[in-house]
Amino acid sequence: MHWTNRTFGPSVGLVAVLTAPSRAVPRKRASSVGLKLVMAASGLLLVLFLFAHMAGNLKIFVGAASFDHYAHWLRDIGTPLLPRTWYLWLQRVGLTAAVVAHIASAAVLARRARAARPVRYAHRPKVQGSYAARTMRWGGVIILLFVVFHVLDLTTGTLNPVGDAQHPHANVVADFAPSRWYVTLFYTLAIVAVGFHLRHGIFSALRTFGQQSPRGEHRARAIALVLSVVLVVGYLSVPFAVLSGLVS
């Protein structure tokens, strides 16, 4: 009998180990939740910047002097504590870090979602979801290309017809002149892509932070729609005002 216990004792212990609940799964889930929080927090930072930037852009309707003063004021933020333009560079570094964190967390979460599918079908069923959710990928590519163009156009002045750092108002008016309709078209496409991206992103972030009940989801969708429409209208008002002659 003692021999039998010694024989089956280790086997029973092995079975207990193999059948014990894994502790790696909760850690992985926590990691996924953490990535969603990083994605939401970095997205929130970018959204705040977009609205602040939009508010500054709208000063163009006040007049050339007011808009130029605003643009020069941005370069002086933090002085004399910081050297001139340092704030802008710190802001650019922070925004770049937020973009990298946002894209990286989104990529990891998407890869995990694909890996979690038990079977890969030759013919995938149609994904049910909003148009904004289905266009996040190509929208992100358009936004990235637009950011590169926007920096070379209105930040460094490399692609701008005027390119005068002392007269930002003149740069904007020259940029969206009727003869450069293709710039306005690209700008419009990029801002609409931002709107779709923002709508889905705000909705997802609000759900991540607790709005998961039917009433909460309805509220989150409404907030996301309103904020995205306000942003799109605010940004597009500038190029179309120039294009129509309202701003000159």
C-alpha atoms as a PDB file:
ATOM      1  CA  MET A   1       0.000   0.000   0.000  1.00  0.00           C
ATOM      2  CA  HIS A   2       2.843   2.338   0.795  1.00  0.00           C
ATOM      3  CA  TRP A   3       4.381   1.443  -2.559  1.00  0.00           C
ATOM      4  CA  THR A   4       1.123   2.327  -4.330  1.00  0.00           C
ATOM      5  CA  ASN A   5       0.956   5.697  -2.612  1.00  0.00           C
ATOM      6  CA  ARG A   6       4.501   6.469  -3.633  1.00  0.00           C
ATOM      7  CA  THR A   7       3.677   5.502  -7.204  1.00  0.00           C
ATOM      8  CA  PHE A   8       0.534   7.596  -7.601  1.00  0.00           C
ATOM      9  CA  GLY A   9       1.510  10.409  -5.278  1.00  0.00           C
ATOM     10  CA  PRO A  10       3.721  12.247  -7.826  1.00  0.00           C
ATOM     11  CA  SER A  11       1.165  11.587 -10.600  1.00  0.00           C
ATOM     12  CA  VAL A  12      -1.621  13.129  -8.594  1.00  0.00           C
ATOM     13  CA  GLY A  13       0.600  16.118  -7.869  1.00  0.00           C
ATOM     14  CA  LEU A  14       1.423  16.484 -11.577  1.00  0.00           C
ATOM     15  CA  VAL A  15      -2.264  16.371 -12.505  1.00  0.00           C
ATOM     16  CA  ALA A  16      -2.985  19.019  -9.892  1.00  0.00           C
ATOM     17  CA  VAL A  17      -0.313  21.264 -11.361  1.00  0.00           C
ATOM     18  CA  LEU A  18      -1.512  20.773 -14.936  1.00  0.00           C
ATOM     19  CA  THR A  19      -5.150  21.384 -14.093  1.00  0.00           C
ATOM     20  CA  ALA A  20      -4.548  24.372 -11.793  1.00  0.00           C
ATOM     21  CA  PRO A  21      -5.824  27.681 -13.187  1.00  0.00           C
ATOM     22  CA  SER A  22      -3.139  29.604 -15.018  1.00  0.00           C
ATOM     23  CA  ARG A  23      -1.953  32.857 -13.472  1.00  0.00           C
ATOM     24  CA  ALA A  24      -0.562  34.103 -16.786  1.00  0.00           C
ATOM     25  CA  VAL A  25      -4.007  34.880 -18.211  1.00  0.00           C
ATOM     26  CA  PRO A  26      -4.917  37.565 -15.650  1.00  0.00           C
ATOM     27  CA  ARG A  27      -1.516  39.174 -16.174  1.00  0.00           C
ATOM     28  CA  LYS A  28      -2.094  39.217 -19.927  1.00  0.00           C
ATOM     29  CA  ARG A  29      -5.558  40.666 -19.471  1.00  0.00           C
ATOM     30  CA  ALA A  30      -4.156  43.323 -17.165  1.00  0.00           C
ATOM     31  CA  SER A  31      -1.537  44.104 -19.778  1.00  0.00           C
ATOM     32  CA  SER A  32      -4.234  44.507 -22.433  1.00  0.00           C
ATOM     33  CA  VAL A  33      -6.215  46.788 -20.154  1.00  0.00           C
ATOM     34  CA  GLY A  34      -3.063  48.783 -19.522  1.00  0.00           C
ATOM     35  CA  LEU A  35      -2.481  49.156 -23.264  1.00  0.00           C
ATOM     36  CA  LYS A  36      -6.046  50.369 -23.712  1.00  0.00           C
ATOM     37  CA  LEU A  37      -5.460  52.949 -20.997  1.00  0.00           C
ATOM     38  CA  VAL A  38      -2.238  54.075 -22.688  1.00  0.00           C
ATOM     39  CA  MET A  39      -4.057  54.315 -26.004  1.00  0.00           C
ATOM     40  CA  ALA A  40      -6.911  56.291 -24.435  1.00  0.00           C
ATOM     41  CA  ALA A  41      -4.624  58.638 -22.461  1.00  0.00           C
ATOM     42  CA  SER A  42      -2.353  59.376 -25.434  1.00  0.00           C
ATOM     43  CA  GLY A  43      -5.416  59.881 -27.626  1.00  0.00           C
ATOM     44  CA  LEU A  44      -6.868  62.312 -25.077  1.00  0.00           C
ATOM     45  CA  LEU A  45      -3.657  64.339 -25.122  1.00  0.00           C
ATOM     46  CA  LEU A  46      -3.775  64.523 -28.919  1.00  0.00           C
ATOM     47  CA  VAL A  47      -7.451  65.533 -28.868  1.00  0.00           C
ATOM     48  CA  LEU A  48      -6.748  68.360 -26.418  1.00  0.00           C
ATOM     49  CA  PHE A  49      -3.985  69.596 -28.705  1.00  0.00           C
ATOM     50  CA  LEU A  50      -6.261  69.445 -31.744  1.00  0.00           C
ATOM     51  CA  PHE A  51      -8.918  71.581 -30.089  1.00  0.00           C
ATOM     52  CA  ALA A  52      -6.354  74.081 -28.769  1.00  0.00           C
ATOM     53  CA  HIS A  53      -4.774  74.282 -32.229  1.00  0.00           C
ATOM     54  CA  MET A  54      -8.205  74.774 -33.808  1.00  0.00           C
ATOM     55  CA  ALA A  55      -8.981  77.645 -31.439  1.00  0.00           C
ATOM     56  CA  GLY A  56      -5.731  79.318 -32.477  1.00  0.00           C
ATOM     57  CA  ASN A  57      -6.480  78.803 -36.171  1.00  0.00           C
ATOM     58  CA  LEU A  58      -9.851  80.525 -35.797  1.00  0.00           C
ATOM     59  CA  LYS A  59      -8.073  83.753 -34.839  1.00  0.00           C
ATOM     60  CA  ILE A  60      -7.528  84.220 -38.563  1.00  0.00           C
ATOM     61  CA  PHE A  61     -11.123  85.532 -38.712  1.00  0.00           C
ATOM     62  CA  VAL A  62     -10.165  88.342 -36.308  1.00  0.00           C
ATOM     63  CA  GLY A  63      -7.586  89.754 -38.687  1.00  0.00           C
ATOM     64  CA  ALA A  64      -4.040  89.407 -39.966  1.00  0.00           C
ATOM     65  CA  ALA A  65      -2.477  91.346 -37.092  1.00  0.00           C
ATOM     66  CA  SER A  66      -4.232  89.239 -34.459  1.00  0.00           C
ATOM     67  CA  PHE A  67      -3.323  85.963 -36.171  1.00  0.00           C
ATOM     68  CA  ASP A  68       0.314  86.944 -36.633  1.00  0.00           C
ATOM     69  CA  HIS A  69       0.519  88.057 -33.006  1.00  0.00           C
ATOM     70  CA  TYR A  70      -0.849  84.676 -31.885  1.00  0.00           C
ATOM     71  CA  ALA A  71       1.671  82.798 -34.027  1.00  0.00           C
ATOM     72  CA  HIS A  72       4.586  84.814 -32.628  1.00  0.00           C
ATOM     73  CA  TRP A  73       3.231  84.421 -29.078  1.00  0.00           C
ATOM     74  CA  LEU A  74       3.497  80.627 -29.444  1.00  0.00           C
ATOM     75  CA  ARG A  75       7.236  81.005 -29.950  1.00  0.00           C
ATOM     76  CA  ASP A  76       7.551  83.100 -26.800  1.00  0.00           C
ATOM     77  CA  ILE A  77       5.672  80.815 -24.395  1.00  0.00           C
ATOM     78  CA  GLY A  78       7.829  80.044 -21.377  1.00  0.00           C
ATOM     79  CA  THR A  79      10.222  82.967 -21.767  1.00  0.00           C
ATOM     80  CA  PRO A  80      12.297  84.074 -19.974  1.00  0.00           C
ATOM     81  CA  LEU A  81      12.292  80.814 -18.000  1.00  0.00           C
ATOM     82  CA  LEU A  82      12.865  78.927 -21.257  1.00  0.00           C
ATOM     83  CA  PRO A  83      14.755  80.109 -24.324  1.00  0.00           C
ATOM     84  CA  ARG A  84      12.557  81.252 -27.205  1.00  0.00           C
ATOM     85  CA  THR A  85      10.781  78.448 -29.126  1.00  0.00           C
ATOM     86  CA  TRP A  86      11.780  75.830 -26.527  1.00  0.00           C
ATOM     87  CA  TYR A  87       8.162  75.371 -25.499  1.00  0.00           C
ATOM     88  CA  LEU A  88       7.214  74.532 -29.086  1.00  0.00           C
ATOM     89  CA  TRP A  89       9.973  71.942 -29.283  1.00  0.00           C
ATOM     90  CA  LEU A  90       8.970  70.409 -25.945  1.00  0.00           C
ATOM     91  CA  GLN A  91       5.405  70.279 -27.190  1.00  0.00           C
ATOM     92  CA  ARG A  92       6.481  68.594 -30.414  1.00  0.00           C
ATOM     93  CA  VAL A  93       8.484  65.995 -28.510  1.00  0.00           C
ATOM     94  CA  GLY A  94       5.519  65.301 -26.207  1.00  0.00           C
ATOM     95  CA  LEU A  95       3.096  65.021 -29.122  1.00  0.00           C
ATOM     96  CA  THR A  96       5.475  62.704 -30.986  1.00  0.00           C
ATOM     97  CA  ALA A  97       5.744  60.482 -27.907  1.00  0.00           C
ATOM     98  CA  ALA A  98       1.948  60.439 -27.625  1.00  0.00           C
ATOM     99  CA  VAL A  99       1.581  59.477 -31.287  1.00  0.00           C
ATOM    100  CA  VAL A 100       4.148  56.679 -30.959  1.00  0.00           C
ATOM    101  CA  ALA A 101       2.470  55.360 -27.795  1.00  0.00           C
ATOM    102  CA  HIS A 102      -0.942  55.566 -29.467  1.00  0.00           C
ATOM    103  CA  ILE A 103       0.130  53.692 -32.600  1.00  0.00           C
ATOM    104  CA  ALA A 104       2.215  51.101 -30.728  1.00  0.00           C
ATOM    105  CA  SER A 105      -0.546  50.229 -28.258  1.00  0.00           C
ATOM    106  CA  ALA A 106      -3.092  50.024 -31.088  1.00  0.00           C
ATOM    107  CA  ALA A 107      -0.807  47.700 -33.076  1.00  0.00           C
ATOM    108  CA  VAL A 108      -0.202  45.374 -30.109  1.00  0.00           C
ATOM    109  CA  LEU A 109      -3.905  45.204 -29.261  1.00  0.00           C
ATOM    110  CA  ALA A 110      -4.811  44.481 -32.889  1.00  0.00           C
ATOM    111  CA  ARG A 111      -2.195  41.717 -33.068  1.00  0.00           C
ATOM    112  CA  ARG A 112      -3.505  40.157 -29.861  1.00  0.00           C
ATOM    113  CA  ALA A 113      -7.053  40.298 -31.170  1.00  0.00           C
ATOM    114  CA  ARG A 114      -6.020  38.462 -34.341  1.00  0.00           C
ATOM    115  CA  ALA A 115      -4.049  35.873 -32.353  1.00  0.00           C
ATOM    116  CA  ALA A 116      -7.040  35.250 -30.078  1.00  0.00           C
ATOM    117  CA  ARG A 117      -9.159  33.987 -32.981  1.00  0.00           C
ATOM    118  CA  PRO A 118      -9.247  30.179 -32.655  1.00  0.00           C
ATOM    119  CA  VAL A 119      -9.776  29.571 -36.384  1.00  0.00           C
ATOM    120  CA  ARG A 120      -8.867  31.674 -39.386  1.00  0.00           C
ATOM    121  CA  TYR A 121     -11.468  31.367 -42.118  1.00  0.00           C
ATOM    122  CA  ALA A 122     -10.736  31.649 -45.816  1.00  0.00           C
ATOM    123  CA  HIS A 123     -13.833  33.822 -46.164  1.00  0.00           C
ATOM    124  CA  ARG A 124     -14.106  36.150 -43.218  1.00  0.00           C
ATOM    125  CA  PRO A 125     -17.584  37.273 -42.234  1.00  0.00           C
ATOM    126  CA  LYS A 126     -18.404  40.936 -42.720  1.00  0.00           C
ATOM    127  CA  VAL A 127     -17.379  42.948 -39.692  1.00  0.00           C
ATOM    128  CA  GLN A 128     -20.303  44.655 -38.058  1.00  0.00           C
ATOM    129  CA  GLY A 129     -19.348  48.098 -36.849  1.00  0.00           C
ATOM    130  CA  SER A 130     -19.446  51.769 -37.565  1.00  0.00           C
ATOM    131  CA  TYR A 131     -17.947  53.244 -40.706  1.00  0.00           C
ATOM    132  CA  ALA A 132     -15.494  55.148 -38.521  1.00  0.00           C
ATOM    133  CA  ALA A 133     -14.261  51.938 -36.905  1.00  0.00           C
ATOM    134  CA  ARG A 134     -13.741  50.217 -40.275  1.00  0.00           C
ATOM    135  CA  THR A 135     -11.718  53.137 -41.646  1.00  0.00           C
ATOM    136  CA  MET A 136      -9.362  53.648 -38.714  1.00  0.00           C
ATOM    137  CA  ARG A 137      -6.417  52.082 -40.547  1.00  0.00           C
ATOM    138  CA  TRP A 138      -6.515  54.012 -43.814  1.00  0.00           C
ATOM    139  CA  GLY A 139      -7.607  57.117 -41.953  1.00  0.00           C
ATOM    140  CA  GLY A 140      -4.495  56.874 -39.809  1.00  0.00           C
ATOM    141  CA  VAL A 141      -2.294  56.650 -42.909  1.00  0.00           C
ATOM    142  CA  ILE A 142      -3.923  59.739 -44.443  1.00  0.00           C
ATOM    143  CA  ILE A 143      -3.502  61.652 -41.172  1.00  0.00           C
ATOM    144  CA  LEU A 144       0.179  60.677 -40.934  1.00  0.00           C
ATOM    145  CA  LEU A 145       0.860  61.828 -44.510  1.00  0.00           C
ATOM    146  CA  PHE A 146      -1.030  65.054 -43.849  1.00  0.00           C
ATOM    147  CA  VAL A 147       0.984  65.792 -40.686  1.00  0.00           C
ATOM    148  CA  VAL A 148       4.233  65.445 -42.649  1.00  0.00           C
ATOM    149  CA  PHE A 149       2.917  67.744 -45.392  1.00  0.00           C
ATOM    150  CA  HIS A 150       1.506  70.229 -42.864  1.00  0.00           C
ATOM    151  CA  VAL A 151       4.847  70.527 -41.054  1.00  0.00           C
ATOM    152  CA  LEU A 152       6.739  71.081 -44.318  1.00  0.00           C
ATOM    153  CA  ASP A 153       4.102  73.546 -45.482  1.00  0.00           C
ATOM    154  CA  LEU A 154       3.153  75.810 -42.572  1.00  0.00           C
ATOM    155  CA  THR A 155       5.811  75.030 -39.949  1.00  0.00           C
ATOM    156  CA  THR A 156       9.067  75.034 -41.878  1.00  0.00           C
ATOM    157  CA  GLY A 157       7.617  76.854 -44.932  1.00  0.00           C
ATOM    158  CA  THR A 158       9.438  74.507 -47.309  1.00  0.00           C
ATOM    159  CA  LEU A 159       6.357  73.769 -49.444  1.00  0.00           C
ATOM    160  CA  ASN A 160       4.555  77.065 -48.874  1.00  0.00           C
ATOM    161  CA  PRO A 161       4.392  79.632 -51.728  1.00  0.00           C
ATOM    162  CA  VAL A 162       5.336  82.443 -49.316  1.00  0.00           C
ATOM    163  CA  GLY A 163       7.178  80.635 -46.538  1.00  0.00           C
ATOM    164  CA  ASP A 164       7.686  83.772 -44.443  1.00  0.00           C
ATOM    165  CA  ALA A 165       7.902  82.957 -40.738  1.00  0.00           C
ATOM    166  CA  GLN A 166       7.240  86.625 -39.880  1.00  0.00           C
ATOM    167  CA  HIS A 167       3.857  86.640 -41.673  1.00  0.00           C
ATOM    168  CA  PRO A 168       1.928  83.455 -40.845  1.00  0.00           C
ATOM    169  CA  HIS A 169      -1.356  84.987 -42.062  1.00  0.00           C
ATOM    170  CA  ALA A 170       0.102  85.488 -45.528  1.00  0.00           C
ATOM    171  CA  ASN A 171       1.348  81.903 -45.508  1.00  0.00           C
ATOM    172  CA  VAL A 172      -2.147  80.560 -44.793  1.00  0.00           C
ATOM    173  CA  VAL A 173      -3.823  82.747 -47.424  1.00  0.00           C
ATOM    174  CA  ALA A 174      -1.270  81.728 -50.056  1.00  0.00           C
ATOM    175  CA  ASP A 175      -1.573  78.086 -49.071  1.00  0.00           C
ATOM    176  CA  PHE A 176      -5.331  77.835 -49.694  1.00  0.00           C
ATOM    177  CA  ALA A 177      -5.529  80.136 -52.698  1.00  0.00           C
ATOM    178  CA  PRO A 178      -7.960  78.998 -55.438  1.00  0.00           C
ATOM    179  CA  SER A 179      -5.027  78.082 -57.694  1.00  0.00           C
ATOM    180  CA  ARG A 180      -3.908  75.569 -55.037  1.00  0.00           C
ATOM    181  CA  TRP A 181      -7.260  73.786 -54.855  1.00  0.00           C
ATOM    182  CA  TYR A 182      -5.479  70.437 -54.549  1.00  0.00           C
ATOM    183  CA  VAL A 183      -4.024  71.539 -51.188  1.00  0.00           C
ATOM    184  CA  THR A 184      -7.517  72.403 -49.941  1.00  0.00           C
ATOM    185  CA  LEU A 185      -8.784  69.050 -51.222  1.00  0.00           C
ATOM    186  CA  PHE A 186      -6.032  67.131 -49.421  1.00  0.00           C
ATOM    187  CA  TYR A 187      -6.586  69.196 -46.281  1.00  0.00           C
ATOM    188  CA  THR A 188     -10.314  68.441 -46.404  1.00  0.00           C
ATOM    189  CA  LEU A 189      -9.724  64.711 -46.880  1.00  0.00           C
ATOM    190  CA  ALA A 190      -7.292  64.637 -43.964  1.00  0.00           C
ATOM    191  CA  ILE A 191      -9.567  66.590 -41.608  1.00  0.00           C
ATOM    192  CA  VAL A 192     -12.549  64.365 -42.449  1.00  0.00           C
ATOM    193  CA  ALA A 193     -10.332  61.347 -41.710  1.00  0.00           C
ATOM    194  CA  VAL A 194      -9.435  62.981 -38.380  1.00  0.00           C
ATOM    195  CA  GLY A 195     -13.148  63.396 -37.680  1.00  0.00           C
ATOM    196  CA  PHE A 196     -13.897  59.726 -38.297  1.00  0.00           C
ATOM    197  CA  HIS A 197     -10.857  58.705 -36.280  1.00  0.00           C
ATOM    198  CA  LEU A 198     -11.813  61.032 -33.459  1.00  0.00           C
ATOM    199  CA  ARG A 199     -15.415  59.856 -33.351  1.00  0.00           C
ATOM    200  CA  HIS A 200     -14.439  56.216 -32.971  1.00  0.00           C
ATOM    201  CA  GLY A 201     -11.516  57.012 -30.661  1.00  0.00           C
ATOM    202  CA  ILE A 202     -13.529  59.129 -28.223  1.00  0.00           C
ATOM    203  CA  PHE A 203     -16.271  56.520 -28.118  1.00  0.00           C
ATOM    204  CA  SER A 204     -13.752  53.735 -27.421  1.00  0.00           C
ATOM    205  CA  ALA A 205     -11.962  55.819 -24.779  1.00  0.00           C
ATOM    206  CA  LEU A 206     -15.204  56.608 -22.951  1.00  0.00           C
ATOM    207  CA  ARG A 207     -16.078  52.902 -22.937  1.00  0.00           C
ATOM    208  CA  THR A 208     -12.605  52.094 -21.602  1.00  0.00           C
ATOM    209  CA  PHE A 209     -13.157  54.550 -18.760  1.00  0.00           C
ATOM    210  CA  GLY A 210     -16.475  52.990 -17.751  1.00  0.00           C
ATOM    211  CA  GLN A 211     -19.277  53.998 -20.140  1.00  0.00           C
ATOM    212  CA  GLN A 212     -20.277  50.411 -20.966  1.00  0.00           C
ATOM    213  CA  SER A 213     -23.974  50.285 -20.099  1.00  0.00           C
ATOM    214  CA  PRO A 214     -26.507  50.801 -22.945  1.00  0.00           C
ATOM    215  CA  ARG A 215     -27.258  54.297 -21.651  1.00  0.00           C
ATOM    216  CA  GLY A 216     -23.557  55.022 -21.198  1.00  0.00           C
ATOM    217  CA  GLU A 217     -22.747  53.859 -24.731  1.00  0.00           C
ATOM    218  CA  HIS A 218     -25.520  56.050 -26.140  1.00  0.00           C
ATOM    219  CA  ARG A 219     -24.095  59.025 -24.245  1.00  0.00           C
ATOM    220  CA  ALA A 220     -20.573  58.191 -25.414  1.00  0.00           C
ATOM    221  CA  ARG A 221     -21.684  58.015 -29.067  1.00  0.00           C
ATOM    222  CA  ALA A 222     -23.410  61.397 -28.786  1.00  0.00           C
ATOM    223  CA  ILE A 223     -20.379  63.060 -27.184  1.00  0.00           C
ATOM    224  CA  ALA A 224     -18.027  61.548 -29.766  1.00  0.00           C
ATOM    225  CA  LEU A 225     -20.215  62.704 -32.665  1.00  0.00           C
ATOM    226  CA  VAL A 226     -20.602  66.266 -31.379  1.00  0.00           C
ATOM    227  CA  LEU A 227     -16.891  66.730 -30.651  1.00  0.00           C
ATOM    228  CA  SER A 228     -15.812  65.302 -34.004  1.00  0.00           C
ATOM    229  CA  VAL A 229     -18.260  67.501 -35.944  1.00  0.00           C
ATOM    230  CA  VAL A 230     -17.132  70.623 -34.055  1.00  0.00           C
ATOM    231  CA  LEU A 231     -13.500  69.804 -34.801  1.00  0.00           C
ATOM    232  CA  VAL A 232     -14.067  69.137 -38.507  1.00  0.00           C
ATOM    233  CA  VAL A 233     -16.142  72.292 -39.007  1.00  0.00           C
ATOM    234  CA  GLY A 234     -13.652  74.407 -37.077  1.00  0.00           C
ATOM    235  CA  TYR A 235     -10.654  73.247 -39.075  1.00  0.00           C
ATOM    236  CA  LEU A 236     -12.338  73.331 -42.492  1.00  0.00           C
ATOM    237  CA  SER A 237     -13.713  76.823 -41.940  1.00  0.00           C
ATOM    238  CA  VAL A 238     -10.235  78.304 -42.471  1.00  0.00           C
ATOM    239  CA  PRO A 239      -9.333  76.912 -45.928  1.00  0.00           C
ATOM    240  CA  PHE A 240     -12.844  77.415 -47.290  1.00  0.00           C
ATOM    241  CA  ALA A 241     -12.909  80.989 -45.955  1.00  0.00           C
ATOM    242  CA  VAL A 242      -9.689  81.648 -47.903  1.00  0.00           C
ATOM    243  CA  LEU A 243     -10.980  79.795 -50.944  1.00  0.00           C
ATOM    244  CA  SER A 244     -14.201  81.832 -50.986  1.00  0.00           C
ATOM    245  CA  GLY A 245     -12.457  85.151 -50.395  1.00  0.00           C
ATOM    246  CA  LEU A 246     -13.873  85.689 -46.925  1.00  0.00           C
ATOM    247  CA  VAL A 247     -10.293  85.771 -45.600  1.00  0.00           C
ATOM    248  CA  SER A 248      -7.670  87.439 -47.735  1.00  0.00           C
END
